[in-house]
């Protein structure tokens, strides 16, 4: 063994172990390329890890490789500084499963090398997130985990689902993705009975269970799951649907709306767009409509009676000075 290879062995073994923990299986060619060593040196390094009680298995075949065996206790997790901070931030700010996340963070801190523990503790003690006011008490980690596992294994899944009206119905789906939005976790799935895409709030799902069916993942009708979810919300029809033709381009209007906007904005020309807002709440319908009108562009409004009456009454009060304006002690 050359002097340079011998001197680099401790760092190389740690790097090899880190690679084996990062992915289920590596080919020998990939590992030699990543480590910059020969196949013979790689085999020796694997034997050294085995001598240290790391369960490294060889995979047969022409393109055989190596993997860490599952079902065995593994040594301390190897993370660099940035990876440790990223995991800590994710656990501290995760939505809907905060209690489980904090337990996981405490366990992670115990298995990390001593050098990284102060940094992890600093992130834990100085980081927080603002909970969404409409979010439920919490999602069930067991439900999320089972749905994720069924998606990974491509298992057709049955569960009971409680809709907005409180009605419980059995559903059969091909799970596609879990997306966090607005304080909730949503399952995007293809409903086998309806032969169409559906979105389910996971806190309304109970009793998820595997069937004997398997599926080939379908392509979403959107660039990514998050975009699909937002488009689904924007195109859904609820009790109160408002349409606003705005004398601004769709791009200009989007740039002047701040924060998440649940409406659908469709270009009608270079200087005009159509906005569609649908919600079960008159309050929300009015709030989102006023946000669209706030830039001050010309508009035509087509709103259901309850929404139109509320907006008309607000307009009258604003036009007459409201109940009391700042700087006007006497009110109107």
C-alpha atoms as a PDB file:
ATOM      1  CA  UNK A   1       0.000   0.000   0.000  1.00  0.00           C
ATOM      2  CA  UNK A   2       1.388   3.423  -0.933  1.00  0.00           C
ATOM      3  CA  UNK A   3       2.074   6.031   1.740  1.00  0.00           C
ATOM      4  CA  UNK A   4      -0.601   8.392   0.375  1.00  0.00           C
ATOM      5  CA  UNK A   5      -3.275   5.691   0.375  1.00  0.00           C
ATOM      6  CA  UNK A   6      -2.318   4.640   3.919  1.00  0.00           C
ATOM      7  CA  UNK A   7      -2.484   8.218   5.250  1.00  0.00           C
ATOM      8  CA  UNK A   8      -5.873   8.804   3.700  1.00  0.00           C
ATOM      9  CA  UNK A   9      -7.394   5.586   5.006  1.00  0.00           C
ATOM     10  CA  UNK A  10      -9.273   6.929   8.112  1.00  0.00           C
ATOM     11  CA  UNK A  11     -10.944   9.719   6.135  1.00  0.00           C
ATOM     12  CA  UNK A  12     -11.627   7.327   3.263  1.00  0.00           C
ATOM     13  CA  UNK A  13     -13.304   4.782   5.524  1.00  0.00           C
ATOM     14  CA  UNK A  14     -15.549   7.485   6.951  1.00  0.00           C
ATOM     15  CA  UNK A  15     -16.371   8.641   3.421  1.00  0.00           C
ATOM     16  CA  UNK A  16     -17.128   5.074   2.335  1.00  0.00           C
ATOM     17  CA  UNK A  17     -19.394   4.552   5.326  1.00  0.00           C
ATOM     18  CA  UNK A  18     -21.157   7.849   4.641  1.00  0.00           C
ATOM     19  CA  UNK A  19     -21.805   6.799   1.032  1.00  0.00           C
ATOM     20  CA  UNK A  20     -23.167   3.414   2.110  1.00  0.00           C
ATOM     21  CA  UNK A  21     -25.556   5.126   4.531  1.00  0.00           C
ATOM     22  CA  UNK A  22     -26.724   7.612   1.892  1.00  0.00           C
ATOM     23  CA  UNK A  23     -28.035   5.079  -0.627  1.00  0.00           C
ATOM     24  CA  UNK A  24     -29.375   1.554  -0.506  1.00  0.00           C
ATOM     25  CA  UNK A  25     -26.827   0.095  -2.930  1.00  0.00           C
ATOM     26  CA  UNK A  26     -23.676   1.175  -4.788  1.00  0.00           C
ATOM     27  CA  UNK A  27     -21.830  -0.550  -7.600  1.00  0.00           C
ATOM     28  CA  UNK A  28     -18.120  -1.162  -7.121  1.00  0.00           C
ATOM     29  CA  UNK A  29     -17.337   1.140 -10.057  1.00  0.00           C
ATOM     30  CA  UNK A  30     -19.327   4.003  -8.523  1.00  0.00           C
ATOM     31  CA  UNK A  31     -17.560   3.668  -5.182  1.00  0.00           C
ATOM     32  CA  UNK A  32     -14.063   3.512  -6.663  1.00  0.00           C
ATOM     33  CA  UNK A  33     -14.831   6.621  -8.709  1.00  0.00           C
ATOM     34  CA  UNK A  34     -16.226   8.519  -5.702  1.00  0.00           C
ATOM     35  CA  UNK A  35     -13.314   7.529  -3.458  1.00  0.00           C
ATOM     36  CA  UNK A  36     -10.581   7.799  -6.074  1.00  0.00           C
ATOM     37  CA  UNK A  37      -9.119   4.353  -5.325  1.00  0.00           C
ATOM     38  CA  UNK A  38      -8.641   1.057  -7.118  1.00  0.00           C
ATOM     39  CA  UNK A  39     -11.066  -1.865  -6.889  1.00  0.00           C
ATOM     40  CA  UNK A  40      -8.500  -3.729  -4.796  1.00  0.00           C
ATOM     41  CA  UNK A  41      -8.273  -0.879  -2.258  1.00  0.00           C
ATOM     42  CA  UNK A  42     -12.070  -0.684  -2.130  1.00  0.00           C
ATOM     43  CA  UNK A  43     -12.309  -4.403  -1.283  1.00  0.00           C
ATOM     44  CA  UNK A  44      -9.771  -3.944   1.512  1.00  0.00           C
ATOM     45  CA  UNK A  45     -11.666  -0.948   2.903  1.00  0.00           C
ATOM     46  CA  UNK A  46     -14.895  -2.958   2.892  1.00  0.00           C
ATOM     47  CA  UNK A  47     -13.152  -5.720   4.841  1.00  0.00           C
ATOM     48  CA  UNK A  48     -11.890  -3.156   7.372  1.00  0.00           C
ATOM     49  CA  UNK A  49     -15.463  -1.930   7.910  1.00  0.00           C
ATOM     50  CA  UNK A  50     -16.602  -5.519   8.425  1.00  0.00           C
ATOM     51  CA  UNK A  51     -13.822  -5.983  10.987  1.00  0.00           C
ATOM     52  CA  UNK A  52     -15.343  -2.995  12.825  1.00  0.00           C
ATOM     53  CA  UNK A  53     -18.733  -4.827  12.913  1.00  0.00           C
ATOM     54  CA  UNK A  54     -20.332  -2.868  10.083  1.00  0.00           C
ATOM     55  CA  UNK A  55     -22.646  -5.235   8.218  1.00  0.00           C
ATOM     56  CA  UNK A  56     -21.530  -4.552   4.624  1.00  0.00           C
ATOM     57  CA  UNK A  57     -22.996  -6.995   2.109  1.00  0.00           C
ATOM     58  CA  UNK A  58     -21.681  -7.690  -1.358  1.00  0.00           C
ATOM     59  CA  UNK A  59     -24.211  -7.815  -4.204  1.00  0.00           C
ATOM     60  CA  UNK A  60     -23.603 -10.431  -6.924  1.00  0.00           C
ATOM     61  CA  UNK A  61     -23.548  -9.966 -10.671  1.00  0.00           C
ATOM     62  CA  UNK A  62     -21.394  -8.408 -13.349  1.00  0.00           C
ATOM     63  CA  UNK A  63     -22.042  -4.937 -11.929  1.00  0.00           C
ATOM     64  CA  UNK A  64     -21.907  -6.171  -8.333  1.00  0.00           C
ATOM     65  CA  UNK A  65     -21.505  -3.722  -5.512  1.00  0.00           C
ATOM     66  CA  UNK A  66     -22.031  -3.141  -1.818  1.00  0.00           C
ATOM     67  CA  UNK A  67     -24.735  -2.144   0.640  1.00  0.00           C
ATOM     68  CA  UNK A  68     -25.277  -1.857   4.379  1.00  0.00           C
ATOM     69  CA  UNK A  69     -27.417  -4.727   5.593  1.00  0.00           C
ATOM     70  CA  UNK A  70     -30.841  -3.791   6.954  1.00  0.00           C
ATOM     71  CA  UNK A  71     -32.079  -5.089  10.266  1.00  0.00           C
ATOM     72  CA  UNK A  72     -28.801  -4.512  12.101  1.00  0.00           C
ATOM     73  CA  UNK A  73     -27.807  -1.850  14.591  1.00  0.00           C
ATOM     74  CA  UNK A  74     -25.749   0.799  12.838  1.00  0.00           C
ATOM     75  CA  UNK A  75     -22.977   2.917  14.357  1.00  0.00           C
ATOM     76  CA  UNK A  76     -23.344   6.669  14.914  1.00  0.00           C
ATOM     77  CA  UNK A  77     -24.878   8.514  11.978  1.00  0.00           C
ATOM     78  CA  UNK A  78     -22.325  10.321   9.818  1.00  0.00           C
ATOM     79  CA  UNK A  79     -23.405  13.819   8.843  1.00  0.00           C
ATOM     80  CA  UNK A  80     -21.419  16.884   7.951  1.00  0.00           C
ATOM     81  CA  UNK A  81     -22.222  20.254   9.560  1.00  0.00           C
ATOM     82  CA  UNK A  82     -24.580  21.441   6.828  1.00  0.00           C
ATOM     83  CA  UNK A  83     -26.495  18.142   6.754  1.00  0.00           C
ATOM     84  CA  UNK A  84     -26.973  18.189  10.525  1.00  0.00           C
ATOM     85  CA  UNK A  85     -28.306  21.762  10.451  1.00  0.00           C
ATOM     86  CA  UNK A  86     -30.628  20.962   7.525  1.00  0.00           C
ATOM     87  CA  UNK A  87     -32.145  17.965   9.344  1.00  0.00           C
ATOM     88  CA  UNK A  88     -32.558  19.945  12.555  1.00  0.00           C
ATOM     89  CA  UNK A  89     -34.293  22.804  10.728  1.00  0.00           C
ATOM     90  CA  UNK A  90     -36.611  20.347   9.005  1.00  0.00           C
ATOM     91  CA  UNK A  91     -37.574  18.670  12.269  1.00  0.00           C
ATOM     92  CA  UNK A  92     -38.111  21.946  14.128  1.00  0.00           C
ATOM     93  CA  UNK A  93     -40.328  23.483  11.425  1.00  0.00           C
ATOM     94  CA  UNK A  94     -42.214  20.415  10.194  1.00  0.00           C
ATOM     95  CA  UNK A  95     -45.988  20.771   9.913  1.00  0.00           C
ATOM     96  CA  UNK A  96     -48.537  18.666  11.774  1.00  0.00           C
ATOM     97  CA  UNK A  97     -46.223  16.187  13.543  1.00  0.00           C
ATOM     98  CA  UNK A  98     -44.308  18.519  15.863  1.00  0.00           C
ATOM     99  CA  UNK A  99     -44.306  16.221  18.912  1.00  0.00           C
ATOM    100  CA  UNK A 100     -42.885  13.280  16.974  1.00  0.00           C
ATOM    101  CA  UNK A 101     -40.371  15.555  15.262  1.00  0.00           C
ATOM    102  CA  UNK A 102     -39.020  16.852  18.583  1.00  0.00           C
ATOM    103  CA  UNK A 103     -38.613  13.288  19.883  1.00  0.00           C
ATOM    104  CA  UNK A 104     -36.715  12.420  16.713  1.00  0.00           C
ATOM    105  CA  UNK A 105     -34.517  15.494  17.116  1.00  0.00           C
ATOM    106  CA  UNK A 106     -33.590  14.445  20.658  1.00  0.00           C
ATOM    107  CA  UNK A 107     -32.653  10.949  19.464  1.00  0.00           C
ATOM    108  CA  UNK A 108     -30.670  12.352  16.559  1.00  0.00           C
ATOM    109  CA  UNK A 109     -28.681  14.541  18.918  1.00  0.00           C
ATOM    110  CA  UNK A 110     -27.667  11.500  20.967  1.00  0.00           C
ATOM    111  CA  UNK A 111     -26.321   9.495  18.006  1.00  0.00           C
ATOM    112  CA  UNK A 112     -24.412  12.292  16.284  1.00  0.00           C
ATOM    113  CA  UNK A 113     -20.679  12.744  16.899  1.00  0.00           C
ATOM    114  CA  UNK A 114     -19.914  15.030  19.847  1.00  0.00           C
ATOM    115  CA  UNK A 115     -18.555  17.717  17.526  1.00  0.00           C
ATOM    116  CA  UNK A 116     -21.981  18.272  15.933  1.00  0.00           C
ATOM    117  CA  UNK A 117     -24.152  18.126  19.060  1.00  0.00           C
ATOM    118  CA  UNK A 118     -23.673  21.782  20.109  1.00  0.00           C
ATOM    119  CA  UNK A 119     -24.689  22.981  16.659  1.00  0.00           C
ATOM    120  CA  UNK A 120     -27.771  20.771  16.657  1.00  0.00           C
ATOM    121  CA  UNK A 121     -28.709  22.015  20.140  1.00  0.00           C
ATOM    122  CA  UNK A 122     -28.270  25.618  18.997  1.00  0.00           C
ATOM    123  CA  UNK A 123     -30.676  25.100  16.092  1.00  0.00           C
ATOM    124  CA  UNK A 124     -33.187  23.375  18.394  1.00  0.00           C
ATOM    125  CA  UNK A 125     -33.076  26.128  21.015  1.00  0.00           C
ATOM    126  CA  UNK A 126     -33.154  29.158  18.695  1.00  0.00           C
ATOM    127  CA  UNK A 127     -35.548  28.084  15.915  1.00  0.00           C
ATOM    128  CA  UNK A 128     -39.328  28.045  15.744  1.00  0.00           C
ATOM    129  CA  UNK A 129     -42.080  28.358  13.167  1.00  0.00           C
ATOM    130  CA  UNK A 130     -45.476  30.049  13.122  1.00  0.00           C
ATOM    131  CA  UNK A 131     -48.291  27.513  13.109  1.00  0.00           C
ATOM    132  CA  UNK A 132     -51.083  27.993  10.607  1.00  0.00           C
ATOM    133  CA  UNK A 133     -54.160  29.201  12.560  1.00  0.00           C
ATOM    134  CA  UNK A 134     -56.495  26.803  10.752  1.00  0.00           C
ATOM    135  CA  UNK A 135     -54.289  23.735  11.149  1.00  0.00           C
ATOM    136  CA  UNK A 136     -55.597  20.764  13.162  1.00  0.00           C
ATOM    137  CA  UNK A 137     -53.987  19.565  16.372  1.00  0.00           C
ATOM    138  CA  UNK A 138     -51.679  17.336  14.339  1.00  0.00           C
ATOM    139  CA  UNK A 139     -51.401  14.756  11.625  1.00  0.00           C
ATOM    140  CA  UNK A 140     -51.017  11.102  12.565  1.00  0.00           C
ATOM    141  CA  UNK A 141     -47.403  10.086  11.833  1.00  0.00           C
ATOM    142  CA  UNK A 142     -48.504   6.456  11.516  1.00  0.00           C
ATOM    143  CA  UNK A 143     -50.952   7.366   8.727  1.00  0.00           C
ATOM    144  CA  UNK A 144     -48.357   9.502   6.930  1.00  0.00           C
ATOM    145  CA  UNK A 145     -45.754   6.768   7.228  1.00  0.00           C
ATOM    146  CA  UNK A 146     -48.068   4.056   5.943  1.00  0.00           C
ATOM    147  CA  UNK A 147     -49.210   6.140   2.961  1.00  0.00           C
ATOM    148  CA  UNK A 148     -45.606   6.962   2.109  1.00  0.00           C
ATOM    149  CA  UNK A 149     -44.607   3.286   2.345  1.00  0.00           C
ATOM    150  CA  UNK A 150     -47.516   2.234   0.116  1.00  0.00           C
ATOM    151  CA  UNK A 151     -46.440   4.827  -2.469  1.00  0.00           C
ATOM    152  CA  UNK A 152     -42.855   3.586  -2.347  1.00  0.00           C
ATOM    153  CA  UNK A 153     -43.951  -0.044  -2.740  1.00  0.00           C
ATOM    154  CA  UNK A 154     -46.640   0.841  -5.332  1.00  0.00           C
ATOM    155  CA  UNK A 155     -49.419  -0.754  -3.282  1.00  0.00           C
ATOM    156  CA  UNK A 156     -53.069  -0.022  -4.039  1.00  0.00           C
ATOM    157  CA  UNK A 157     -54.468   1.329  -0.767  1.00  0.00           C
ATOM    158  CA  UNK A 158     -57.876   1.290   0.925  1.00  0.00           C
ATOM    159  CA  UNK A 159     -58.953   3.729   3.637  1.00  0.00           C
ATOM    160  CA  UNK A 160     -62.005   5.431   5.084  1.00  0.00           C
ATOM    161  CA  UNK A 161     -62.346   9.129   4.312  1.00  0.00           C
ATOM    162  CA  UNK A 162     -64.479  11.740   6.059  1.00  0.00           C
ATOM    163  CA  UNK A 163     -65.447  14.504   3.627  1.00  0.00           C
ATOM    164  CA  UNK A 164     -66.232  18.167   4.405  1.00  0.00           C
ATOM    165  CA  UNK A 165     -69.832  17.265   5.239  1.00  0.00           C
ATOM    166  CA  UNK A 166     -68.670  14.660   7.764  1.00  0.00           C
ATOM    167  CA  UNK A 167     -69.734  11.666   5.651  1.00  0.00           C
ATOM    168  CA  UNK A 168     -67.460   8.635   5.936  1.00  0.00           C
ATOM    169  CA  UNK A 169     -66.828   6.677   2.745  1.00  0.00           C
ATOM    170  CA  UNK A 170     -64.488   3.865   1.718  1.00  0.00           C
ATOM    171  CA  UNK A 171     -61.908   4.845  -0.922  1.00  0.00           C
ATOM    172  CA  UNK A 172     -59.416   2.843  -2.979  1.00  0.00           C
ATOM    173  CA  UNK A 173     -56.445   4.739  -4.433  1.00  0.00           C
ATOM    174  CA  UNK A 174     -52.988   4.579  -5.939  1.00  0.00           C
ATOM    175  CA  UNK A 175     -50.957   6.882  -3.642  1.00  0.00           C
ATOM    176  CA  UNK A 176     -48.745   9.331  -5.502  1.00  0.00           C
ATOM    177  CA  UNK A 177     -47.429  12.018  -3.164  1.00  0.00           C
ATOM    178  CA  UNK A 178     -47.800  13.702   0.225  1.00  0.00           C
ATOM    179  CA  UNK A 179     -47.766  17.517   0.209  1.00  0.00           C
ATOM    180  CA  UNK A 180     -47.801  19.943   3.140  1.00  0.00           C
ATOM    181  CA  UNK A 181     -49.808  23.130   2.549  1.00  0.00           C
ATOM    182  CA  UNK A 182     -51.437  25.683   4.836  1.00  0.00           C
ATOM    183  CA  UNK A 183     -50.838  23.667   8.006  1.00  0.00           C
ATOM    184  CA  UNK A 184     -52.298  20.424   6.604  1.00  0.00           C
ATOM    185  CA  UNK A 185     -50.876  17.315   4.953  1.00  0.00           C
ATOM    186  CA  UNK A 186     -52.565  16.196   1.723  1.00  0.00           C
ATOM    187  CA  UNK A 187     -52.410  12.913  -0.165  1.00  0.00           C
ATOM    188  CA  UNK A 188     -52.456  13.187  -3.949  1.00  0.00           C
ATOM    189  CA  UNK A 189     -53.679   9.901  -5.374  1.00  0.00           C
ATOM    190  CA  UNK A 190     -55.391   8.328  -8.354  1.00  0.00           C
ATOM    191  CA  UNK A 191     -58.844   7.089  -7.302  1.00  0.00           C
ATOM    192  CA  UNK A 192     -59.375   3.691  -8.929  1.00  0.00           C
ATOM    193  CA  UNK A 193     -63.185   3.761  -8.648  1.00  0.00           C
ATOM    194  CA  UNK A 194     -63.499   7.240 -10.180  1.00  0.00           C
ATOM    195  CA  UNK A 195     -60.567   6.768 -12.577  1.00  0.00           C
ATOM    196  CA  UNK A 196     -59.341  10.266 -11.813  1.00  0.00           C
ATOM    197  CA  UNK A 197     -56.960  12.219  -9.591  1.00  0.00           C
ATOM    198  CA  UNK A 198     -58.159  13.128  -6.119  1.00  0.00           C
ATOM    199  CA  UNK A 199     -56.709  15.050  -3.168  1.00  0.00           C
ATOM    200  CA  UNK A 200     -57.313  13.912   0.425  1.00  0.00           C
ATOM    201  CA  UNK A 201     -56.584  15.696   3.685  1.00  0.00           C
ATOM    202  CA  UNK A 202     -54.663  13.141   5.719  1.00  0.00           C
ATOM    203  CA  UNK A 203     -56.234  14.127   9.053  1.00  0.00           C
ATOM    204  CA  UNK A 204     -59.548  12.906   7.556  1.00  0.00           C
ATOM    205  CA  UNK A 205     -58.090   9.531   6.551  1.00  0.00           C
ATOM    206  CA  UNK A 206     -58.544   6.572   8.890  1.00  0.00           C
ATOM    207  CA  UNK A 207     -57.574   2.920   8.697  1.00  0.00           C
ATOM    208  CA  UNK A 208     -55.224   2.939   5.684  1.00  0.00           C
ATOM    209  CA  UNK A 209     -54.528  -0.639   4.646  1.00  0.00           C
ATOM    210  CA  UNK A 210     -52.730  -2.388   1.825  1.00  0.00           C
ATOM    211  CA  UNK A 211     -54.558  -4.441  -0.777  1.00  0.00           C
ATOM    212  CA  UNK A 212     -53.064  -7.212  -2.882  1.00  0.00           C
ATOM    213  CA  UNK A 213     -53.016  -4.895  -5.885  1.00  0.00           C
ATOM    214  CA  UNK A 214     -49.920  -3.221  -7.308  1.00  0.00           C
ATOM    215  CA  UNK A 215     -49.739  -0.289  -9.710  1.00  0.00           C
ATOM    216  CA  UNK A 216     -47.420   1.514 -12.077  1.00  0.00           C
ATOM    217  CA  UNK A 217     -47.141   5.182 -11.022  1.00  0.00           C
ATOM    218  CA  UNK A 218     -49.057   7.515 -13.327  1.00  0.00           C
ATOM    219  CA  UNK A 219     -47.780  10.853 -14.558  1.00  0.00           C
ATOM    220  CA  UNK A 220     -49.352  13.811 -12.792  1.00  0.00           C
ATOM    221  CA  UNK A 221     -51.142  16.374 -15.000  1.00  0.00           C
ATOM    222  CA  UNK A 222     -48.816  19.037 -13.547  1.00  0.00           C
ATOM    223  CA  UNK A 223     -45.055  19.736 -13.406  1.00  0.00           C
ATOM    224  CA  UNK A 224     -44.827  18.626  -9.757  1.00  0.00           C
ATOM    225  CA  UNK A 225     -47.070  17.573  -6.825  1.00  0.00           C
ATOM    226  CA  UNK A 226     -47.092  21.015  -5.158  1.00  0.00           C
ATOM    227  CA  UNK A 227     -48.248  22.704  -8.385  1.00  0.00           C
ATOM    228  CA  UNK A 228     -50.908  20.034  -8.834  1.00  0.00           C
ATOM    229  CA  UNK A 229     -52.255  20.650  -5.324  1.00  0.00           C
ATOM    230  CA  UNK A 230     -52.435  24.433  -5.785  1.00  0.00           C
ATOM    231  CA  UNK A 231     -54.160  24.019  -9.156  1.00  0.00           C
ATOM    232  CA  UNK A 232     -56.645  21.594  -7.616  1.00  0.00           C
ATOM    233  CA  UNK A 233     -57.585  24.131  -4.937  1.00  0.00           C
ATOM    234  CA  UNK A 234     -57.898  26.935  -7.482  1.00  0.00           C
ATOM    235  CA  UNK A 235     -60.132  24.958  -9.852  1.00  0.00           C
ATOM    236  CA  UNK A 236     -62.399  23.383  -7.212  1.00  0.00           C
ATOM    237  CA  UNK A 237     -66.005  24.570  -6.894  1.00  0.00           C
ATOM    238  CA  UNK A 238     -67.404  25.403  -3.453  1.00  0.00           C
ATOM    239  CA  UNK A 239     -70.522  27.200  -2.181  1.00  0.00           C
ATOM    240  CA  UNK A 240     -69.484  30.693  -3.277  1.00  0.00           C
ATOM    241  CA  UNK A 241     -67.756  31.231  -6.624  1.00  0.00           C
ATOM    242  CA  UNK A 242     -66.717  34.749  -7.644  1.00  0.00           C
ATOM    243  CA  UNK A 243     -65.343  35.803 -11.040  1.00  0.00           C
ATOM    244  CA  UNK A 244     -63.503  39.076 -11.554  1.00  0.00           C
ATOM    245  CA  UNK A 245     -62.303  40.469 -14.875  1.00  0.00           C
ATOM    246  CA  UNK A 246     -59.343  42.698 -14.047  1.00  0.00           C
ATOM    247  CA  UNK A 247     -57.746  45.262 -16.372  1.00  0.00           C
ATOM    248  CA  UNK A 248     -54.230  44.041 -15.598  1.00  0.00           C
ATOM    249  CA  UNK A 249     -52.147  41.321 -17.184  1.00  0.00           C
ATOM    250  CA  UNK A 250     -52.177  38.011 -15.319  1.00  0.00           C
ATOM    251  CA  UNK A 251     -48.447  38.361 -14.645  1.00  0.00           C
ATOM    252  CA  UNK A 252     -48.839  41.892 -13.235  1.00  0.00           C
ATOM    253  CA  UNK A 253     -51.702  40.867 -10.968  1.00  0.00           C
ATOM    254  CA  UNK A 254     -49.814  37.841  -9.624  1.00  0.00           C
ATOM    255  CA  UNK A 255     -46.833  40.068  -8.804  1.00  0.00           C
ATOM    256  CA  UNK A 256     -49.086  42.341  -6.715  1.00  0.00           C
ATOM    257  CA  UNK A 257     -50.730  39.598  -4.665  1.00  0.00           C
ATOM    258  CA  UNK A 258     -48.761  38.742  -1.539  1.00  0.00           C
ATOM    259  CA  UNK A 259     -48.799  35.397   0.208  1.00  0.00           C
ATOM    260  CA  UNK A 260     -50.631  32.258  -0.946  1.00  0.00           C
ATOM    261  CA  UNK A 261     -53.582  33.040  -3.211  1.00  0.00           C
ATOM    262  CA  UNK A 262     -56.131  30.245  -3.740  1.00  0.00           C
ATOM    263  CA  UNK A 263     -57.746  31.723  -6.844  1.00  0.00           C
ATOM    264  CA  UNK A 264     -57.290  30.807 -10.496  1.00  0.00           C
ATOM    265  CA  UNK A 265     -55.851  33.600 -12.664  1.00  0.00           C
ATOM    266  CA  UNK A 266     -56.341  33.181 -16.421  1.00  0.00           C
ATOM    267  CA  UNK A 267     -54.909  35.584 -19.041  1.00  0.00           C
ATOM    268  CA  UNK A 268     -57.529  37.076 -21.362  1.00  0.00           C
ATOM    269  CA  UNK A 269     -55.125  39.309 -23.271  1.00  0.00           C
ATOM    270  CA  UNK A 270     -52.005  41.430 -22.809  1.00  0.00           C
ATOM    271  CA  UNK A 271     -53.731  43.761 -20.323  1.00  0.00           C
ATOM    272  CA  UNK A 272     -56.673  41.743 -18.971  1.00  0.00           C
ATOM    273  CA  UNK A 273     -57.144  38.604 -16.903  1.00  0.00           C
ATOM    274  CA  UNK A 274     -59.943  36.592 -15.322  1.00  0.00           C
ATOM    275  CA  UNK A 275     -59.784  35.654 -11.646  1.00  0.00           C
ATOM    276  CA  UNK A 276     -61.894  32.821 -10.239  1.00  0.00           C
ATOM    277  CA  UNK A 277     -62.303  32.445  -6.457  1.00  0.00           C
ATOM    278  CA  UNK A 278     -64.354  29.623  -4.929  1.00  0.00           C
ATOM    279  CA  UNK A 279     -64.780  28.981  -1.213  1.00  0.00           C
ATOM    280  CA  UNK A 280     -67.322  27.801   1.344  1.00  0.00           C
ATOM    281  CA  UNK A 281     -66.852  30.980   3.385  1.00  0.00           C
ATOM    282  CA  UNK A 282     -68.362  34.375   2.542  1.00  0.00           C
ATOM    283  CA  UNK A 283     -65.645  35.977   4.678  1.00  0.00           C
ATOM    284  CA  UNK A 284     -62.870  34.354   2.656  1.00  0.00           C
ATOM    285  CA  UNK A 285     -64.575  35.121  -0.651  1.00  0.00           C
ATOM    286  CA  UNK A 286     -64.694  38.801   0.299  1.00  0.00           C
ATOM    287  CA  UNK A 287     -61.123  38.858   1.616  1.00  0.00           C
ATOM    288  CA  UNK A 288     -59.663  37.342  -1.550  1.00  0.00           C
ATOM    289  CA  UNK A 289     -61.831  39.545  -3.780  1.00  0.00           C
ATOM    290  CA  UNK A 290     -60.642  42.685  -1.994  1.00  0.00           C
ATOM    291  CA  UNK A 291     -57.040  41.503  -2.386  1.00  0.00           C
ATOM    292  CA  UNK A 292     -57.597  41.273  -6.161  1.00  0.00           C
ATOM    293  CA  UNK A 293     -59.187  44.735  -6.262  1.00  0.00           C
ATOM    294  CA  UNK A 294     -56.554  46.378  -4.036  1.00  0.00           C
ATOM    295  CA  UNK A 295     -54.135  47.265  -6.901  1.00  0.00           C
ATOM    296  CA  UNK A 296     -56.803  49.730  -8.117  1.00  0.00           C
ATOM    297  CA  UNK A 297     -57.206  48.479 -11.692  1.00  0.00           C
ATOM    298  CA  UNK A 298     -60.549  48.519 -13.480  1.00  0.00           C
ATOM    299  CA  UNK A 299     -62.697  45.442 -13.003  1.00  0.00           C
ATOM    300  CA  UNK A 300     -66.014  43.715 -13.652  1.00  0.00           C
ATOM    301  CA  UNK A 301     -67.373  41.615 -10.788  1.00  0.00           C
ATOM    302  CA  UNK A 302     -69.623  38.569 -11.020  1.00  0.00           C
ATOM    303  CA  UNK A 303     -70.310  37.388  -7.463  1.00  0.00           C
ATOM    304  CA  UNK A 304     -73.034  35.313  -5.769  1.00  0.00           C
ATOM    305  CA  UNK A 305     -75.674  37.362  -3.876  1.00  0.00           C
ATOM    306  CA  UNK A 306     -74.254  36.961  -0.353  1.00  0.00           C
ATOM    307  CA  UNK A 307     -70.770  37.935  -1.448  1.00  0.00           C
ATOM    308  CA  UNK A 308     -72.018  40.801  -3.626  1.00  0.00           C
ATOM    309  CA  UNK A 309     -74.194  42.178  -0.794  1.00  0.00           C
ATOM    310  CA  UNK A 310     -71.276  42.083   1.660  1.00  0.00           C
ATOM    311  CA  UNK A 311     -68.926  43.819  -0.784  1.00  0.00           C
ATOM    312  CA  UNK A 312     -71.572  46.428  -1.663  1.00  0.00           C
ATOM    313  CA  UNK A 313     -72.134  47.226   2.017  1.00  0.00           C
ATOM    314  CA  UNK A 314     -68.386  47.556   2.553  1.00  0.00           C
ATOM    315  CA  UNK A 315     -68.159  49.880  -0.426  1.00  0.00           C
ATOM    316  CA  UNK A 316     -70.873  52.140   0.999  1.00  0.00           C
ATOM    317  CA  UNK A 317     -69.173  52.292   4.382  1.00  0.00           C
ATOM    318  CA  UNK A 318     -65.787  53.005   2.852  1.00  0.00           C
ATOM    319  CA  UNK A 319     -67.248  55.681   0.584  1.00  0.00           C
ATOM    320  CA  UNK A 320     -68.843  57.455   3.519  1.00  0.00           C
ATOM    321  CA  UNK A 321     -65.729  57.319   5.668  1.00  0.00           C
ATOM    322  CA  UNK A 322     -66.494  54.114   7.526  1.00  0.00           C
ATOM    323  CA  UNK A 323     -67.295  54.061  11.216  1.00  0.00           C
ATOM    324  CA  UNK A 324     -64.150  55.989  12.120  1.00  0.00           C
ATOM    325  CA  UNK A 325     -60.942  56.755  10.251  1.00  0.00           C
ATOM    326  CA  UNK A 326     -57.602  57.426  11.931  1.00  0.00           C
ATOM    327  CA  UNK A 327     -57.116  61.193  12.153  1.00  0.00           C
ATOM    328  CA  UNK A 328     -60.839  61.810  12.205  1.00  0.00           C
ATOM    329  CA  UNK A 329     -61.828  61.846  15.930  1.00  0.00           C
ATOM    330  CA  UNK A 330     -65.436  62.471  15.132  1.00  0.00           C
ATOM    331  CA  UNK A 331     -65.870  59.576  12.798  1.00  0.00           C
ATOM    332  CA  UNK A 332     -68.205  60.257   9.881  1.00  0.00           C
END
